[in-house]
Amino acid sequence: MSFSAYLVGSWESRFGVGTALQIINPTLDHLEVIVAFFDDNEHCLKTMNGELSPNDMWEVVVPKLEKQFGVAKIISHRDKEIMPGIVGFQRHVLAIPTPTEIAFSEAPLAAIPEKYAADELKKILAGCP
């Protein structure tokens, strides 16, 4: 798995499932990161902004949103200029009523070719809450 400027995954809140995204900066560069949450009809529901120092990690617990599942898009940049340097994982967690029973799955976030990141960042910055 190599680092990228643009990662994509899914989020879920149906059936008691929750999602956390782990975004890691394995480089020596300081990065700004935007996470955009879309529903299954391609409507942007929310964005979150963060900064990652070298070798830093940002764990984003998906907030309560209007819909129950959708797509998460994560783009790294510096001053709105695409800057590759992130890897990530998505973790879906199901907390069963007893505190000792928890089920989860973890998968890497898919790295999308960098050539798509600049236009997607502009779209997210212009049209997302």
Protein backbone atom coordinates (compact mmCIF):
# COMPACT_ATOMS: atom_id res chain seq x y z
CA MET A 1 0.00 0.00 0.00
CA SER A 2 1.48 3.33 -1.02
CA PHE A 3 0.46 6.77 0.12
CA SER A 4 -1.87 8.99 -1.87
CA ALA A 5 -3.52 12.42 -1.87
CA TYR A 6 -7.03 10.97 -2.28
CA LEU A 7 -8.57 8.10 -0.32
CA VAL A 8 -12.11 6.73 -0.47
CA GLY A 9 -14.06 4.42 1.83
CA SER A 10 -17.53 3.84 3.20
CA TRP A 11 -19.31 4.70 6.43
CA GLU A 12 -22.20 2.94 8.11
CA SER A 13 -24.64 3.58 10.94
CA ARG A 14 -27.38 1.01 10.22
CA PHE A 15 -28.08 -1.88 12.58
CA GLY A 16 -25.98 -0.42 15.41
CA VAL A 17 -22.80 -0.28 13.36
CA GLY A 18 -20.42 2.68 13.65
CA THR A 19 -17.44 3.67 11.55
CA ALA A 20 -14.05 5.15 12.37
CA LEU A 21 -11.54 6.30 9.77
CA GLN A 22 -7.85 6.26 10.60
CA ILE A 23 -5.80 8.63 8.45
CA ILE A 24 -2.03 8.40 8.76
CA ASN A 25 0.70 10.70 7.47
CA PRO A 26 3.81 8.50 7.07
CA THR A 27 5.78 11.34 5.46
CA LEU A 28 7.94 14.14 6.86
CA ASP A 29 5.58 16.82 5.48
CA HIS A 30 2.88 18.76 7.32
CA LEU A 31 -0.49 18.16 5.62
CA GLU A 32 -3.98 19.57 5.76
CA VAL A 33 -6.70 16.95 5.36
CA ILE A 34 -10.37 17.25 4.52
CA VAL A 35 -12.86 14.44 5.06
CA ALA A 36 -16.18 14.71 3.22
CA PHE A 37 -19.16 12.46 3.98
CA PHE A 38 -21.59 11.73 1.16
CA ASP A 39 -24.85 9.79 1.27
CA ASP A 40 -25.78 7.03 -1.16
CA ASN A 41 -27.32 9.65 -3.51
CA GLU A 42 -24.05 11.62 -3.87
CA HIS A 43 -25.14 14.50 -1.62
CA CYS A 44 -22.44 15.92 0.62
CA LEU A 45 -23.61 15.82 4.23
CA LYS A 46 -20.65 17.16 6.21
CA THR A 47 -16.94 17.94 6.04
CA MET A 48 -14.25 17.82 8.71
CA ASN A 49 -10.85 19.49 8.48
CA GLY A 50 -7.66 18.43 10.21
CA GLU A 51 -3.92 18.81 10.15
CA LEU A 52 -1.37 16.04 10.28
CA SER A 53 2.20 16.59 11.33
CA PRO A 54 4.88 14.14 10.16
CA ASN A 55 4.12 10.56 11.28
CA ASP A 56 0.81 11.67 12.78
CA MET A 57 -2.55 9.87 12.83
CA TRP A 58 -6.08 11.30 12.89
CA GLU A 59 -8.89 9.00 13.94
CA VAL A 60 -12.23 10.32 12.70
CA VAL A 61 -15.28 8.78 14.31
CA VAL A 62 -18.07 9.33 11.80
CA PRO A 63 -20.53 11.77 13.36
CA LYS A 64 -24.29 11.29 13.44
CA LEU A 65 -25.52 12.22 9.97
CA GLU A 66 -28.91 12.56 8.28
CA LYS A 67 -28.45 9.29 6.36
CA GLN A 68 -27.35 5.85 7.55
CA PHE A 69 -24.60 4.93 5.10
CA GLY A 70 -22.50 6.41 2.35
CA VAL A 71 -19.08 7.31 1.01
CA ALA A 72 -16.18 9.06 2.75
CA LYS A 73 -13.65 10.96 0.63
CA ILE A 74 -10.36 12.08 2.18
CA ILE A 75 -7.99 14.50 0.43
CA SER A 76 -4.63 15.78 1.63
CA HIS A 77 -3.39 19.20 0.60
CA ARG A 78 -1.43 22.23 1.68
CA ASP A 79 -3.09 25.61 1.14
CA LYS A 80 -5.62 23.93 -1.20
CA GLU A 81 -2.84 22.53 -3.41
CA ILE A 82 -2.91 18.73 -3.61
CA MET A 83 -0.16 17.17 -1.51
CA PRO A 84 0.15 13.38 -1.51
CA GLY A 85 1.13 11.71 1.72
CA ILE A 86 -1.70 9.81 3.43
CA VAL A 87 -2.71 6.23 3.95
CA GLY A 88 -5.80 5.12 5.80
CA PHE A 89 -8.06 2.44 7.18
CA GLN A 90 -11.78 2.19 7.80
CA ARG A 91 -13.10 0.28 10.75
CA HIS A 92 -16.75 -0.74 11.07
CA VAL A 93 -17.66 -1.60 14.66
CA LEU A 94 -20.73 -3.37 16.00
CA ALA A 95 -21.11 -3.08 19.78
CA ILE A 96 -23.24 -5.96 20.98
CA PRO A 97 -25.22 -5.19 24.17
CA THR A 98 -22.69 -6.73 26.56
CA PRO A 99 -19.47 -4.71 26.94
CA THR A 100 -17.26 -7.73 26.24
CA GLU A 101 -18.74 -8.53 22.84
CA ILE A 102 -17.60 -6.28 20.03
CA ALA A 103 -17.29 -7.21 16.38
CA PHE A 104 -15.37 -5.15 13.85
CA SER A 105 -13.93 -5.28 10.40
CA GLU A 106 -11.01 -3.24 9.15
CA ALA A 107 -9.96 -2.53 5.58
CA PRO A 108 -7.60 -0.11 3.87
CA LEU A 109 -9.12 3.00 2.34
CA ALA A 110 -8.83 2.82 -1.44
CA ALA A 111 -6.21 5.11 -2.97
CA ILE A 112 -7.61 7.01 -5.96
CA PRO A 113 -5.21 8.31 -8.65
CA GLU A 114 -3.93 11.76 -7.76
CA LYS A 115 -5.10 13.25 -11.07
CA TYR A 116 -8.69 13.18 -9.72
CA ALA A 117 -7.90 14.85 -6.39
CA ALA A 118 -7.63 18.52 -7.44
CA ASP A 119 -11.05 18.72 -9.11
CA GLU A 120 -12.66 16.73 -6.28
CA LEU A 121 -11.14 19.07 -3.66
CA LYS A 122 -12.54 22.12 -5.51
CA LYS A 123 -15.96 20.45 -5.68
CA ILE A 124 -15.93 19.58 -1.97
CA LEU A 125 -14.77 23.06 -0.89
CA ALA A 126 -17.44 24.72 -3.05
CA GLY A 127 -20.41 22.50 -2.30
CA CYS A 128 -20.16 20.86 1.08
CA PRO A 129 -21.31 22.11 4.49
